[in-house]
Amino acid sequence: PFCIRKCNYCDFLSFGGVAEETQKEYFQALIKEIALCGMIYGNQYYVDSVFIGGGTPSLAAEGLIDSLLAAVRSCFAVGPDAEISIESNPKTLTKNKLTAYLDAGINRLSIGAQSLDDRLLAYMGRVHTREDFLQNYQLARECGFRNINLDLMFAIPGQTEELWSATLKSALALEPEHISFYSLQIEEGTPFYSMFRDGSLKQTEDELDRAMYHRALRMLKGSCYLHYEISNAAREGYRCRHNLKYWSMEDYLGLGLGAHSYMDGTRSGNLTDMREYIRAAGSRDEWRHENSKEDDVTEYLITGMRKLEGIDLRDFERRFQKPIEDCFPENWRSVENYIAEGYLIKSEKSMRFTIKGIDISNTILREFV
């Protein structure tokens, strides 16, 4: 949960300027939590994906990341072909770090580029420049990373469709294996939100937001990327295995400050206060919620419909012992209207959004909440 400094749009649980000693204390507490969870779950699950997220995990010393993964392997059955990802930000990667990551078994690198326009990067409060990103990307390739994701952001205030196209063109020229592309959201408690409230920041119009999104889809398709989730595209064979678990409502175990889990039908969240987490030294769960059947139905739909292939209706009926129509009798007429109008496609096997349906996906999903 550490960063050089918080970005102007960020509402994640992360902190800028944290002392190295505190970082070490945090990792010690995290490793104790890993050991605790290993005693509970270690013999029950085969681990085929690990995701080290943030914040900026690449800000921490490489030895801390190595000790983290060593603890995971000692407490869980991690498969030899597991997808092991780490998030990073430009200006934090070095040859020593990248080599250490590979030696530790990390085989997927996610780089938070966000934009390749220096003016927009400065406006967002990013600490890196376009050149910083390009240098770090090239360094990662030279060190041996063969599975790299780029995070990109559109609908940034002041960003034109032409600027967005230029960022996409530059990103695609690098041929990363995976690209995530998200529309900027103005979140409460951020500097951007304060600017929005006082009128000094204007949100991007919905029409331009959608134009940027569809521009991305066209350019990604033209470069042979598979658009497999609303905001994600990949080369053949490089879909993010870890994130697909979230979207397929499989079990996942969250470790660390504020981390969320979904295990055995129960959702839970860890402590969010750094000092309290370090003092607790492995204690878990600030909150727990045992899902009802209705919770699971709703979450299965909301997460599963993010995938371009949609939801498997046969799997839905196996899980919930009734067809989807019978779960939403009062709303199904509205769903049928969306199908008739070309926003949804439903067959015997699946239900999914069309491309134009994605544009109003939040409206459609309200029928299932």
Protein backbone atom coordinates (compact mmCIF):
# COMPACT_ATOMS: atom_id res chain seq x y z
CA PRO A 1 0.00 0.00 0.00
CA PHE A 2 2.97 2.36 -0.53
CA CYS A 3 3.44 5.10 -3.13
CA ILE A 4 5.92 7.87 -3.81
CA ARG A 5 2.92 10.17 -3.49
CA LYS A 6 -0.83 9.91 -3.97
CA CYS A 7 -2.18 10.77 -7.41
CA ASN A 8 -4.89 13.40 -7.76
CA TYR A 9 -7.57 10.84 -8.71
CA CYS A 10 -6.63 8.00 -6.35
CA ASP A 11 -8.91 6.77 -3.58
CA PHE A 12 -7.12 3.45 -3.09
CA LEU A 13 -5.88 2.45 0.36
CA SER A 14 -2.31 3.63 -0.12
CA PHE A 15 0.12 6.08 1.43
CA GLY A 16 2.84 8.33 0.07
CA GLY A 17 6.22 8.86 1.70
CA VAL A 18 6.16 5.88 4.09
CA ALA A 19 9.54 5.29 5.80
CA GLU A 20 11.48 2.15 4.84
CA GLU A 21 11.37 0.93 8.45
CA THR A 22 7.57 1.05 8.43
CA GLN A 23 7.54 -0.82 5.13
CA LYS A 24 9.66 -3.56 6.69
CA GLU A 25 7.32 -3.75 9.72
CA TYR A 26 4.37 -4.03 7.37
CA PHE A 27 5.91 -6.92 5.44
CA GLN A 28 6.71 -8.71 8.71
CA ALA A 29 3.05 -8.45 9.73
CA LEU A 30 1.94 -9.55 6.27
CA ILE A 31 4.13 -12.64 6.41
CA LYS A 32 2.62 -13.54 9.78
CA GLU A 33 -0.84 -13.23 8.21
CA ILE A 34 0.27 -15.49 5.37
CA ALA A 35 1.38 -18.10 7.91
CA LEU A 36 -1.92 -17.85 9.75
CA CYS A 37 -3.93 -18.30 6.56
CA GLY A 38 -1.68 -21.13 5.48
CA MET A 39 -2.69 -23.07 8.58
CA ILE A 40 -6.37 -22.50 7.73
CA TYR A 41 -6.42 -22.88 3.96
CA GLY A 42 -3.04 -24.26 2.93
CA ASN A 43 -4.18 -27.87 2.53
CA GLN A 44 -7.52 -27.00 0.93
CA TYR A 45 -6.48 -25.07 -2.15
CA TYR A 46 -4.12 -25.39 -5.09
CA VAL A 47 -2.85 -21.90 -5.91
CA ASP A 48 -2.53 -21.10 -9.60
CA SER A 49 -2.40 -17.30 -9.40
CA VAL A 50 -0.81 -14.74 -7.09
CA PHE A 51 -1.27 -10.99 -7.56
CA ILE A 52 0.86 -8.46 -5.70
CA GLY A 53 -1.08 -5.21 -5.94
CA GLY A 54 -1.09 -1.73 -4.45
CA GLY A 55 -0.34 1.10 -4.15
CA THR A 56 3.03 0.57 -5.75
CA PRO A 57 4.55 -2.78 -4.77
CA SER A 58 7.60 -2.00 -6.90
CA LEU A 59 8.44 0.82 -4.49
CA ALA A 60 9.41 -1.72 -1.82
CA ALA A 61 12.90 -3.19 -1.69
CA GLU A 62 13.20 -6.30 -3.85
CA GLY A 63 14.23 -8.37 -0.83
CA LEU A 64 10.85 -7.72 0.77
CA ILE A 65 9.03 -9.00 -2.32
CA ASP A 66 11.26 -12.09 -2.37
CA SER A 67 10.51 -12.82 1.31
CA LEU A 68 6.80 -12.34 0.64
CA LEU A 69 6.71 -14.93 -2.14
CA ALA A 70 8.92 -17.31 -0.16
CA ALA A 71 6.33 -17.16 2.63
CA VAL A 72 3.47 -17.80 0.20
CA ARG A 73 5.24 -20.86 -1.23
CA SER A 74 6.07 -22.24 2.20
CA CYS A 75 2.44 -21.97 3.38
CA PHE A 76 0.47 -22.82 0.22
CA ALA A 77 0.64 -25.30 -2.65
CA VAL A 78 1.64 -22.91 -5.43
CA GLY A 79 1.63 -24.58 -8.83
CA PRO A 80 4.80 -24.57 -10.94
CA ASP A 81 2.91 -22.86 -13.76
CA ALA A 82 1.15 -20.31 -11.53
CA GLU A 83 0.60 -16.83 -12.91
CA ILE A 84 2.43 -14.51 -10.50
CA SER A 85 1.89 -10.80 -11.15
CA ILE A 86 3.25 -7.64 -9.60
CA GLU A 87 1.95 -4.12 -10.14
CA SER A 88 4.48 -1.36 -10.71
CA ASN A 89 4.75 2.28 -11.62
CA PRO A 90 7.31 3.84 -13.94
CA LYS A 91 10.25 5.45 -12.16
CA THR A 92 10.30 2.70 -9.52
CA LEU A 93 11.73 -0.15 -11.61
CA THR A 94 15.44 -0.93 -11.77
CA LYS A 95 17.45 -3.73 -13.34
CA ASN A 96 18.13 -5.22 -9.90
CA LYS A 97 14.44 -5.21 -9.00
CA LEU A 98 13.29 -6.71 -12.29
CA THR A 99 15.93 -9.44 -12.15
CA ALA A 100 15.00 -10.20 -8.54
CA TYR A 101 11.32 -10.45 -9.48
CA LEU A 102 12.07 -12.99 -12.19
CA ASP A 103 14.33 -14.96 -9.83
CA ALA A 104 11.49 -15.00 -7.28
CA GLY A 105 9.14 -16.52 -9.87
CA ILE A 106 7.18 -13.41 -10.87
CA ASN A 107 6.23 -13.93 -14.51
CA ARG A 108 3.76 -11.11 -15.19
CA LEU A 109 4.49 -7.39 -14.81
CA SER A 110 1.75 -4.76 -14.76
CA ILE A 111 2.91 -1.20 -15.39
CA GLY A 112 0.69 1.75 -14.48
CA ALA A 113 1.41 4.00 -17.44
CA GLN A 114 -2.06 5.67 -17.41
CA SER A 115 -1.11 8.15 -20.15
CA LEU A 116 1.79 8.77 -22.51
CA ASP A 117 1.20 12.52 -22.55
CA ASP A 118 3.45 14.45 -20.15
CA ARG A 119 0.97 17.29 -19.64
CA LEU A 120 -1.81 14.90 -18.61
CA LEU A 121 0.54 12.89 -16.40
CA ALA A 122 1.49 16.04 -14.50
CA TYR A 123 -2.15 17.09 -14.22
CA MET A 124 -3.05 13.70 -12.70
CA GLY A 125 -0.22 14.01 -10.17
CA ARG A 126 1.77 11.12 -11.60
CA VAL A 127 5.44 11.14 -10.62
CA HIS A 128 6.69 9.77 -13.95
CA THR A 129 7.02 11.07 -17.49
CA ARG A 130 6.46 9.38 -20.84
CA GLU A 131 10.21 8.84 -21.12
CA ASP A 132 10.37 7.24 -17.65
CA PHE A 133 7.72 4.75 -18.76
CA LEU A 134 9.40 3.95 -22.06
CA GLN A 135 12.74 3.36 -20.34
CA ASN A 136 11.19 1.10 -17.68
CA TYR A 137 9.24 -0.87 -20.29
CA GLN A 138 12.36 -1.46 -22.40
CA LEU A 139 14.32 -2.43 -19.29
CA ALA A 140 11.66 -4.99 -18.34
CA ARG A 141 11.91 -6.56 -21.80
CA GLU A 142 15.71 -6.62 -21.65
CA CYS A 143 15.59 -8.31 -18.24
CA GLY A 144 13.37 -11.05 -19.61
CA PHE A 145 9.70 -10.24 -18.93
CA ARG A 146 7.55 -11.85 -21.59
CA ASN A 147 4.14 -11.04 -20.12
CA ILE A 148 3.56 -7.32 -19.56
CA ASN A 149 0.30 -5.48 -18.95
CA LEU A 150 -0.13 -1.74 -19.43
CA ASP A 151 -2.76 0.18 -17.45
CA LEU A 152 -4.14 3.10 -19.46
CA MET A 153 -6.73 5.71 -18.52
CA PHE A 154 -9.09 7.73 -20.67
CA ALA A 155 -11.70 10.46 -20.10
CA ILE A 156 -9.11 12.49 -18.20
CA PRO A 157 -10.25 16.12 -17.94
CA GLY A 158 -8.63 18.01 -20.80
CA GLN A 159 -7.89 14.85 -22.78
CA THR A 160 -9.12 14.89 -26.38
CA GLU A 161 -9.93 11.86 -28.48
CA GLU A 162 -6.81 12.64 -30.52
CA LEU A 163 -4.59 12.60 -27.41
CA TRP A 164 -6.14 9.31 -26.35
CA SER A 165 -5.53 7.86 -29.81
CA ALA A 166 -1.89 8.95 -29.65
CA THR A 167 -1.42 7.19 -26.30
CA LEU A 168 -3.04 4.03 -27.67
CA LYS A 169 -0.92 4.13 -30.83
CA SER A 170 2.28 4.47 -28.80
CA ALA A 171 1.22 1.71 -26.39
CA LEU A 172 0.27 -0.70 -29.18
CA ALA A 173 3.58 -0.09 -30.94
CA LEU A 174 5.30 -1.61 -27.88
CA GLU A 175 3.29 -4.84 -28.32
CA PRO A 176 2.49 -5.58 -24.67
CA GLU A 177 0.74 -8.87 -24.05
CA HIS A 178 -2.16 -7.23 -22.19
CA ILE A 179 -3.78 -3.80 -21.99
CA SER A 180 -6.24 -2.56 -19.35
CA PHE A 181 -8.09 0.63 -20.24
CA TYR A 182 -10.27 2.42 -17.71
CA SER A 183 -12.40 5.54 -17.75
CA LEU A 184 -11.34 8.00 -15.05
CA GLN A 185 -13.84 8.23 -12.21
CA ILE A 186 -13.95 11.23 -9.87
CA GLU A 187 -13.95 9.75 -6.36
CA GLU A 188 -14.79 11.49 -3.09
CA GLY A 189 -11.86 12.41 -0.89
CA THR A 190 -9.45 12.96 -3.77
CA PRO A 191 -7.92 16.26 -4.97
CA PHE A 192 -9.83 15.86 -8.24
CA TYR A 193 -13.08 15.65 -6.30
CA SER A 194 -12.28 18.89 -4.46
CA MET A 195 -11.48 20.53 -7.80
CA PHE A 196 -14.77 19.22 -9.21
CA ARG A 197 -16.70 20.62 -6.25
CA ASP A 198 -15.16 24.09 -6.57
CA GLY A 199 -15.68 24.14 -10.33
CA SER A 200 -12.03 24.09 -11.40
CA LEU A 201 -12.37 20.62 -12.92
CA LYS A 202 -15.00 19.56 -15.44
CA GLN A 203 -15.78 15.92 -15.97
CA THR A 204 -15.50 14.52 -19.46
CA GLU A 205 -18.84 14.44 -21.24
CA ASP A 206 -20.40 10.99 -21.55
CA GLU A 207 -20.44 11.23 -25.34
CA LEU A 208 -16.67 11.82 -25.47
CA ASP A 209 -16.05 9.12 -22.85
CA ARG A 210 -17.89 6.58 -25.03
CA ALA A 211 -16.16 7.79 -28.19
CA MET A 212 -12.78 7.20 -26.51
CA TYR A 213 -13.85 3.75 -25.35
CA HIS A 214 -14.97 2.68 -28.81
CA ARG A 215 -11.84 4.17 -30.37
CA ALA A 216 -9.83 1.90 -28.06
CA LEU A 217 -11.87 -1.16 -29.10
CA ARG A 218 -11.27 -0.47 -32.79
CA MET A 219 -7.54 0.09 -32.35
CA LEU A 220 -7.09 -2.94 -30.13
CA LYS A 221 -8.98 -5.17 -32.55
CA GLY A 222 -6.91 -3.78 -35.41
CA SER A 223 -3.76 -4.85 -33.56
CA CYS A 224 -5.05 -8.39 -32.93
CA TYR A 225 -5.96 -8.02 -29.26
CA LEU A 226 -8.85 -10.04 -27.87
CA HIS A 227 -11.33 -7.84 -26.01
CA TYR A 228 -12.33 -10.32 -23.31
CA GLU A 229 -13.62 -8.11 -20.46
CA ILE A 230 -15.23 -4.67 -20.47
CA SER A 231 -11.92 -2.90 -19.74
CA ASN A 232 -9.34 -5.50 -20.71
CA ALA A 233 -7.81 -6.90 -23.88
CA ALA A 234 -5.01 -9.41 -24.44
CA ARG A 235 -2.97 -11.24 -27.02
CA GLU A 236 -3.99 -14.86 -27.54
CA GLY A 237 -3.05 -16.86 -24.44
CA TYR A 238 -2.45 -13.85 -22.19
CA ARG A 239 -5.80 -13.15 -20.54
CA CYS A 240 -5.23 -12.32 -16.86
CA ARG A 241 -5.86 -15.60 -15.07
CA HIS A 242 -6.09 -13.93 -11.67
CA ASN A 243 -8.67 -11.30 -12.58
CA LEU A 244 -10.79 -13.91 -14.35
CA LYS A 245 -11.28 -15.51 -10.93
CA TYR A 246 -12.96 -12.33 -9.66
CA TRP A 247 -15.18 -12.15 -12.73
CA SER A 248 -16.05 -15.86 -12.51
CA MET A 249 -16.83 -15.69 -8.78
CA GLU A 250 -14.22 -18.21 -7.75
CA ASP A 251 -12.67 -18.27 -4.29
CA TYR A 252 -9.82 -15.82 -3.68
CA LEU A 253 -7.85 -14.98 -0.56
CA GLY A 254 -6.85 -11.36 0.08
CA LEU A 255 -3.81 -10.77 2.28
CA GLY A 256 -2.59 -7.47 3.67
CA LEU A 257 -3.95 -4.08 4.62
CA GLY A 258 -7.57 -3.61 3.56
CA ALA A 259 -7.49 -6.74 1.37
CA HIS A 260 -10.82 -8.38 0.54
CA SER A 261 -11.51 -12.11 0.27
CA TYR A 262 -14.27 -14.36 -1.00
CA MET A 263 -13.86 -17.79 0.56
CA ASP A 264 -16.41 -20.52 1.16
CA GLY A 265 -19.34 -18.19 0.41
CA THR A 266 -18.15 -15.48 2.81
CA ARG A 267 -16.82 -12.04 1.93
CA SER A 268 -14.41 -10.37 4.33
CA GLY A 269 -12.13 -7.37 4.55
CA ASN A 270 -8.92 -6.80 6.50
CA LEU A 271 -7.98 -3.98 8.85
CA THR A 272 -7.45 -0.64 7.07
CA ASP A 273 -5.36 1.20 9.69
CA MET A 274 -1.63 0.68 9.05
CA ARG A 275 -0.43 0.89 12.67
CA GLU A 276 -3.29 -1.31 13.86
CA TYR A 277 -2.52 -3.89 11.17
CA ILE A 278 1.16 -3.97 12.12
CA ARG A 279 0.30 -4.29 15.83
CA ALA A 280 -2.21 -7.07 15.11
CA ALA A 281 0.59 -9.02 13.39
CA GLY A 282 -1.48 -11.51 11.45
CA SER A 283 -4.93 -10.96 12.91
CA ARG A 284 -7.58 -10.86 10.17
CA ASP A 285 -11.03 -9.54 9.33
CA GLU A 286 -12.25 -6.07 10.14
CA TRP A 287 -15.59 -7.25 8.73
CA ARG A 288 -17.23 -10.45 7.50
CA HIS A 289 -20.40 -11.08 5.55
CA GLU A 290 -21.79 -14.53 4.85
CA ASN A 291 -23.46 -14.28 1.46
CA SER A 292 -27.09 -15.23 1.11
CA LYS A 293 -28.22 -17.06 -2.01
CA GLU A 294 -29.61 -13.75 -3.30
CA ASP A 295 -26.20 -12.09 -2.71
CA ASP A 296 -24.47 -14.83 -4.69
CA VAL A 297 -26.93 -14.61 -7.58
CA THR A 298 -26.49 -10.85 -7.85
CA GLU A 299 -22.71 -10.93 -7.55
CA TYR A 300 -22.43 -13.79 -10.04
CA LEU A 301 -24.29 -11.69 -12.59
CA ILE A 302 -22.56 -8.37 -11.92
CA THR A 303 -19.07 -9.89 -12.09
CA GLY A 304 -19.76 -12.45 -14.81
CA MET A 305 -21.37 -9.97 -17.18
CA ARG A 306 -18.12 -8.00 -17.24
CA LYS A 307 -16.70 -10.78 -19.41
CA LEU A 308 -17.39 -10.38 -23.11
CA GLU A 309 -18.48 -14.03 -23.21
CA GLY A 310 -20.99 -13.20 -20.49
CA ILE A 311 -22.36 -15.79 -18.08
CA ASP A 312 -22.81 -19.50 -18.65
CA LEU A 313 -26.54 -20.08 -18.09
CA ARG A 314 -26.07 -23.81 -17.53
CA ASP A 315 -23.52 -23.08 -14.80
CA PHE A 316 -25.93 -20.50 -13.35
CA GLU A 317 -28.70 -23.09 -13.12
CA ARG A 318 -26.34 -25.66 -11.58
CA ARG A 319 -25.24 -23.18 -8.93
CA PHE A 320 -28.62 -21.76 -8.03
CA GLN A 321 -31.03 -24.62 -8.87
CA LYS A 322 -33.27 -22.54 -11.13
CA PRO A 323 -33.05 -20.75 -14.48
CA ILE A 324 -32.15 -17.09 -14.49
CA GLU A 325 -35.67 -16.03 -15.53
CA ASP A 326 -37.11 -17.55 -12.36
CA CYS A 327 -34.66 -15.61 -10.17
CA PHE A 328 -35.93 -12.25 -11.46
CA PRO A 329 -39.63 -12.72 -12.32
CA GLU A 330 -40.56 -9.07 -11.68
CA ASN A 331 -37.74 -7.69 -13.81
CA TRP A 332 -37.51 -10.20 -16.61
CA ARG A 333 -39.80 -8.28 -18.97
CA SER A 334 -37.33 -5.38 -18.87
CA VAL A 335 -34.46 -7.80 -19.57
CA GLU A 336 -36.37 -9.16 -22.58
CA ASN A 337 -36.77 -5.61 -23.87
CA TYR A 338 -32.99 -5.09 -23.68
CA ILE A 339 -32.55 -8.32 -25.64
CA ALA A 340 -35.07 -7.20 -28.26
CA GLU A 341 -33.36 -3.81 -28.59
CA GLY A 342 -29.96 -5.38 -29.19
CA TYR A 343 -28.26 -4.57 -25.89
CA LEU A 344 -28.11 -8.18 -24.71
CA ILE A 345 -27.70 -11.50 -26.49
CA LYS A 346 -29.21 -14.56 -24.83
CA SER A 347 -28.98 -18.13 -26.08
CA GLU A 348 -29.62 -21.45 -24.40
CA LYS A 349 -26.01 -21.49 -23.24
CA SER A 350 -25.14 -17.90 -22.33
CA MET A 351 -26.15 -14.28 -21.86
CA ARG A 352 -23.84 -11.39 -22.66
CA PHE A 353 -23.73 -7.71 -23.52
CA THR A 354 -23.41 -6.53 -27.09
CA ILE A 355 -20.87 -3.78 -27.68
CA LYS A 356 -23.60 -1.14 -27.55
CA GLY A 357 -24.99 -2.85 -24.45
CA ILE A 358 -21.70 -2.24 -22.64
CA ASP A 359 -22.39 1.51 -22.89
CA ILE A 360 -25.48 1.15 -20.69
CA SER A 361 -24.31 -1.90 -18.74
CA ASN A 362 -24.78 -0.27 -15.33
CA THR A 363 -28.40 0.56 -16.18
CA ILE A 364 -29.09 -2.99 -17.36
CA LEU A 365 -27.41 -4.58 -14.32
CA ARG A 366 -29.76 -2.67 -12.01
CA GLU A 367 -32.43 -5.14 -13.13
CA PHE A 368 -30.48 -7.84 -11.26
CA VAL A 369 -29.84 -5.94 -8.02
